[in-house]
Amino acid sequence: IMERRVIFDCYLKGTDVERFVEVKHRDMTSPMAMDSLYIMLSKIHLYRQAKNTNAELILVLVSTDFDQESRSSRYERLLESFQPAIANKLLRIEHVQVSQEEAQKGIEERQRSLL
């Protein structure tokens, strides 16, 4: 129907599984972000079938302790929407917590590297 290329943040090939990794903020539940995740999962599903291999998407959700508001309902919607992919071991969700100090340090390091 259309050619839509997907670029993942990371690809890891193990002896028994291929892992595609995508890192997003925990509040990434806009319709465009959900569509993007759906396309990624569709591509991996088709890849699994074509190559007859075990492959999964690891979605790393980054939470920050300095967010303006909690959006747990959006996160719950993400889990609910993609429950079939989770149940079929096509999607695995991991969590990373980043403090305000860690975020600021990362920004400062990037700015120094630009000079």
C-alpha atoms as a PDB file:
ATOM      1  CA  ILE A   1       0.000   0.000   0.000  1.00  0.00           C
ATOM      2  CA  MET A   2       2.802   2.374   0.922  1.00  0.00           C
ATOM      3  CA  GLU A   3       6.467   2.270   1.803  1.00  0.00           C
ATOM      4  CA  ARG A   4       7.041   3.562   5.299  1.00  0.00           C
ATOM      5  CA  ARG A   5      10.524   3.149   6.682  1.00  0.00           C
ATOM      6  CA  VAL A   6      10.974   2.729  10.391  1.00  0.00           C
ATOM      7  CA  ILE A   7      14.167   3.642  12.217  1.00  0.00           C
ATOM      8  CA  PHE A   8      14.636   2.186  15.688  1.00  0.00           C
ATOM      9  CA  ASP A   9      16.858   3.631  18.392  1.00  0.00           C
ATOM     10  CA  CYS A  10      18.730   0.359  18.758  1.00  0.00           C
ATOM     11  CA  TYR A  11      18.909  -3.170  17.358  1.00  0.00           C
ATOM     12  CA  LEU A  12      20.296  -6.120  19.326  1.00  0.00           C
ATOM     13  CA  LYS A  13      20.721  -9.593  17.881  1.00  0.00           C
ATOM     14  CA  GLY A  14      21.028 -12.434  20.372  1.00  0.00           C
ATOM     15  CA  THR A  15      21.311 -16.144  19.791  1.00  0.00           C
ATOM     16  CA  ASP A  16      17.570 -16.772  20.174  1.00  0.00           C
ATOM     17  CA  VAL A  17      15.891 -13.356  19.801  1.00  0.00           C
ATOM     18  CA  GLU A  18      16.238 -10.121  17.868  1.00  0.00           C
ATOM     19  CA  ARG A  19      15.403  -6.996  19.811  1.00  0.00           C
ATOM     20  CA  PHE A  20      14.402  -3.657  18.380  1.00  0.00           C
ATOM     21  CA  VAL A  21      14.576  -0.882  20.973  1.00  0.00           C
ATOM     22  CA  GLU A  22      12.715   2.418  21.050  1.00  0.00           C
ATOM     23  CA  VAL A  23      13.107   5.020  23.813  1.00  0.00           C
ATOM     24  CA  LYS A  24      10.266   7.452  24.505  1.00  0.00           C
ATOM     25  CA  HIS A  25       9.037   9.669  27.317  1.00  0.00           C
ATOM     26  CA  ARG A  26       6.320   8.021  29.398  1.00  0.00           C
ATOM     27  CA  ASP A  27       3.775  10.604  28.235  1.00  0.00           C
ATOM     28  CA  MET A  28       4.267   9.766  24.549  1.00  0.00           C
ATOM     29  CA  THR A  29       0.624   8.836  24.065  1.00  0.00           C
ATOM     30  CA  SER A  30      -0.428  11.371  21.444  1.00  0.00           C
ATOM     31  CA  PRO A  31      -2.289   9.898  18.471  1.00  0.00           C
ATOM     32  CA  MET A  32       0.840  10.311  16.308  1.00  0.00           C
ATOM     33  CA  ALA A  33       3.014   8.508  18.869  1.00  0.00           C
ATOM     34  CA  MET A  34       0.509   5.669  19.181  1.00  0.00           C
ATOM     35  CA  ASP A  35       0.387   5.387  15.378  1.00  0.00           C
ATOM     36  CA  SER A  36       4.177   5.300  15.202  1.00  0.00           C
ATOM     37  CA  LEU A  37       4.288   2.526  17.802  1.00  0.00           C
ATOM     38  CA  TYR A  38       1.634   0.591  15.876  1.00  0.00           C
ATOM     39  CA  ILE A  39       3.675   0.862  12.656  1.00  0.00           C
ATOM     40  CA  MET A  40       6.828  -0.332  14.463  1.00  0.00           C
ATOM     41  CA  LEU A  41       5.001  -3.329  15.890  1.00  0.00           C
ATOM     42  CA  SER A  42       3.464  -4.133  12.502  1.00  0.00           C
ATOM     43  CA  LYS A  43       6.894  -4.070  10.844  1.00  0.00           C
ATOM     44  CA  ILE A  44       8.360  -6.348  13.519  1.00  0.00           C
ATOM     45  CA  HIS A  45       5.393  -8.711  13.264  1.00  0.00           C
ATOM     46  CA  LEU A  46       5.849  -8.989   9.486  1.00  0.00           C
ATOM     47  CA  TYR A  47       9.619  -9.404   9.966  1.00  0.00           C
ATOM     48  CA  ARG A  48       8.944 -12.258  12.413  1.00  0.00           C
ATOM     49  CA  GLN A  49       6.765 -14.023   9.860  1.00  0.00           C
ATOM     50  CA  ALA A  50       9.045 -13.442   6.870  1.00  0.00           C
ATOM     51  CA  LYS A  51      12.228 -14.527   8.647  1.00  0.00           C
ATOM     52  CA  ASN A  52      10.577 -17.146  10.881  1.00  0.00           C
ATOM     53  CA  THR A  53      12.433 -15.685  13.837  1.00  0.00           C
ATOM     54  CA  ASN A  54      11.755 -14.506  17.359  1.00  0.00           C
ATOM     55  CA  ALA A  55      11.753 -10.701  17.440  1.00  0.00           C
ATOM     56  CA  GLU A  56      10.379  -8.138  19.845  1.00  0.00           C
ATOM     57  CA  LEU A  57      10.158  -4.417  20.415  1.00  0.00           C
ATOM     58  CA  ILE A  58      11.476  -3.191  23.727  1.00  0.00           C
ATOM     59  CA  LEU A  59       9.839   0.129  24.481  1.00  0.00           C
ATOM     60  CA  VAL A  60      11.867   1.990  27.101  1.00  0.00           C
ATOM     61  CA  LEU A  61       9.656   4.575  28.764  1.00  0.00           C
ATOM     62  CA  VAL A  62      11.513   7.367  30.519  1.00  0.00           C
ATOM     63  CA  SER A  63       9.821   8.937  33.537  1.00  0.00           C
ATOM     64  CA  THR A  64      10.977  12.193  35.023  1.00  0.00           C
ATOM     65  CA  ASP A  65      10.377  13.320  38.574  1.00  0.00           C
ATOM     66  CA  PHE A  66       9.938  16.925  37.477  1.00  0.00           C
ATOM     67  CA  ASP A  67       6.948  16.477  35.162  1.00  0.00           C
ATOM     68  CA  GLN A  68       4.249  19.100  35.496  1.00  0.00           C
ATOM     69  CA  GLU A  69       1.479  16.588  36.003  1.00  0.00           C
ATOM     70  CA  SER A  70       0.952  12.881  36.226  1.00  0.00           C
ATOM     71  CA  ARG A  71      -0.619  11.325  33.165  1.00  0.00           C
ATOM     72  CA  SER A  72      -1.150   7.805  34.417  1.00  0.00           C
ATOM     73  CA  SER A  73      -4.424   7.515  32.478  1.00  0.00           C
ATOM     74  CA  ARG A  74      -2.502   7.984  29.214  1.00  0.00           C
ATOM     75  CA  TYR A  75      -0.046   5.299  30.243  1.00  0.00           C
ATOM     76  CA  GLU A  76      -2.925   2.971  31.119  1.00  0.00           C
ATOM     77  CA  ARG A  77      -4.400   3.640  27.668  1.00  0.00           C
ATOM     78  CA  LEU A  78      -1.080   2.661  26.091  1.00  0.00           C
ATOM     79  CA  LEU A  79      -1.051  -0.618  28.025  1.00  0.00           C
ATOM     80  CA  GLU A  80      -4.664  -1.328  27.185  1.00  0.00           C
ATOM     81  CA  SER A  81      -4.263  -0.527  23.491  1.00  0.00           C
ATOM     82  CA  PHE A  82      -1.213  -2.727  23.000  1.00  0.00           C
ATOM     83  CA  GLN A  83      -2.145  -5.582  25.348  1.00  0.00           C
ATOM     84  CA  PRO A  84      -2.338  -8.099  22.469  1.00  0.00           C
ATOM     85  CA  ALA A  85       1.246  -7.248  21.444  1.00  0.00           C
ATOM     86  CA  ILE A  86       2.397  -7.597  25.055  1.00  0.00           C
ATOM     87  CA  ALA A  87       0.587 -10.923  25.458  1.00  0.00           C
ATOM     88  CA  ASN A  88       2.138 -12.240  22.215  1.00  0.00           C
ATOM     89  CA  LYS A  89       5.635 -11.199  23.339  1.00  0.00           C
ATOM     90  CA  LEU A  90       5.917  -8.768  20.456  1.00  0.00           C
ATOM     91  CA  LEU A  91       6.148  -5.791  22.829  1.00  0.00           C
ATOM     92  CA  ARG A  92       7.971  -5.501  26.132  1.00  0.00           C
ATOM     93  CA  ILE A  93       7.865  -2.289  28.144  1.00  0.00           C
ATOM     94  CA  GLU A  94      10.740  -1.273  30.409  1.00  0.00           C
ATOM     95  CA  HIS A  95      10.927   1.797  32.644  1.00  0.00           C
ATOM     96  CA  VAL A  96      13.749   4.230  33.422  1.00  0.00           C
ATOM     97  CA  GLN A  97      13.519   7.026  35.979  1.00  0.00           C
ATOM     98  CA  VAL A  98      15.519  10.231  35.333  1.00  0.00           C
ATOM     99  CA  SER A  99      15.917  12.881  38.006  1.00  0.00           C
ATOM    100  CA  GLN A 100      16.019  16.598  37.295  1.00  0.00           C
ATOM    101  CA  GLU A 101      19.719  16.633  38.223  1.00  0.00           C
ATOM    102  CA  GLU A 102      20.510  13.834  35.742  1.00  0.00           C
ATOM    103  CA  ALA A 103      18.596  15.624  32.978  1.00  0.00           C
ATOM    104  CA  GLN A 104      20.377  18.923  33.679  1.00  0.00           C
ATOM    105  CA  LYS A 105      23.774  17.210  33.714  1.00  0.00           C
ATOM    106  CA  GLY A 106      23.013  15.596  30.336  1.00  0.00           C
ATOM    107  CA  ILE A 107      22.024  18.965  28.859  1.00  0.00           C
ATOM    108  CA  GLU A 108      25.204  20.611  30.133  1.00  0.00           C
ATOM    109  CA  GLU A 109      27.385  17.790  28.743  1.00  0.00           C
ATOM    110  CA  ARG A 110      25.762  18.089  25.317  1.00  0.00           C
ATOM    111  CA  GLN A 111      26.234  21.856  25.294  1.00  0.00           C
ATOM    112  CA  ARG A 112      29.934  21.490  26.157  1.00  0.00           C
ATOM    113  CA  SER A 113      30.403  18.914  23.403  1.00  0.00           C
ATOM    114  CA  LEU A 114      29.026  21.415  20.848  1.00  0.00           C
ATOM    115  CA  LEU A 115      31.710  23.984  21.675  1.00  0.00           C
END
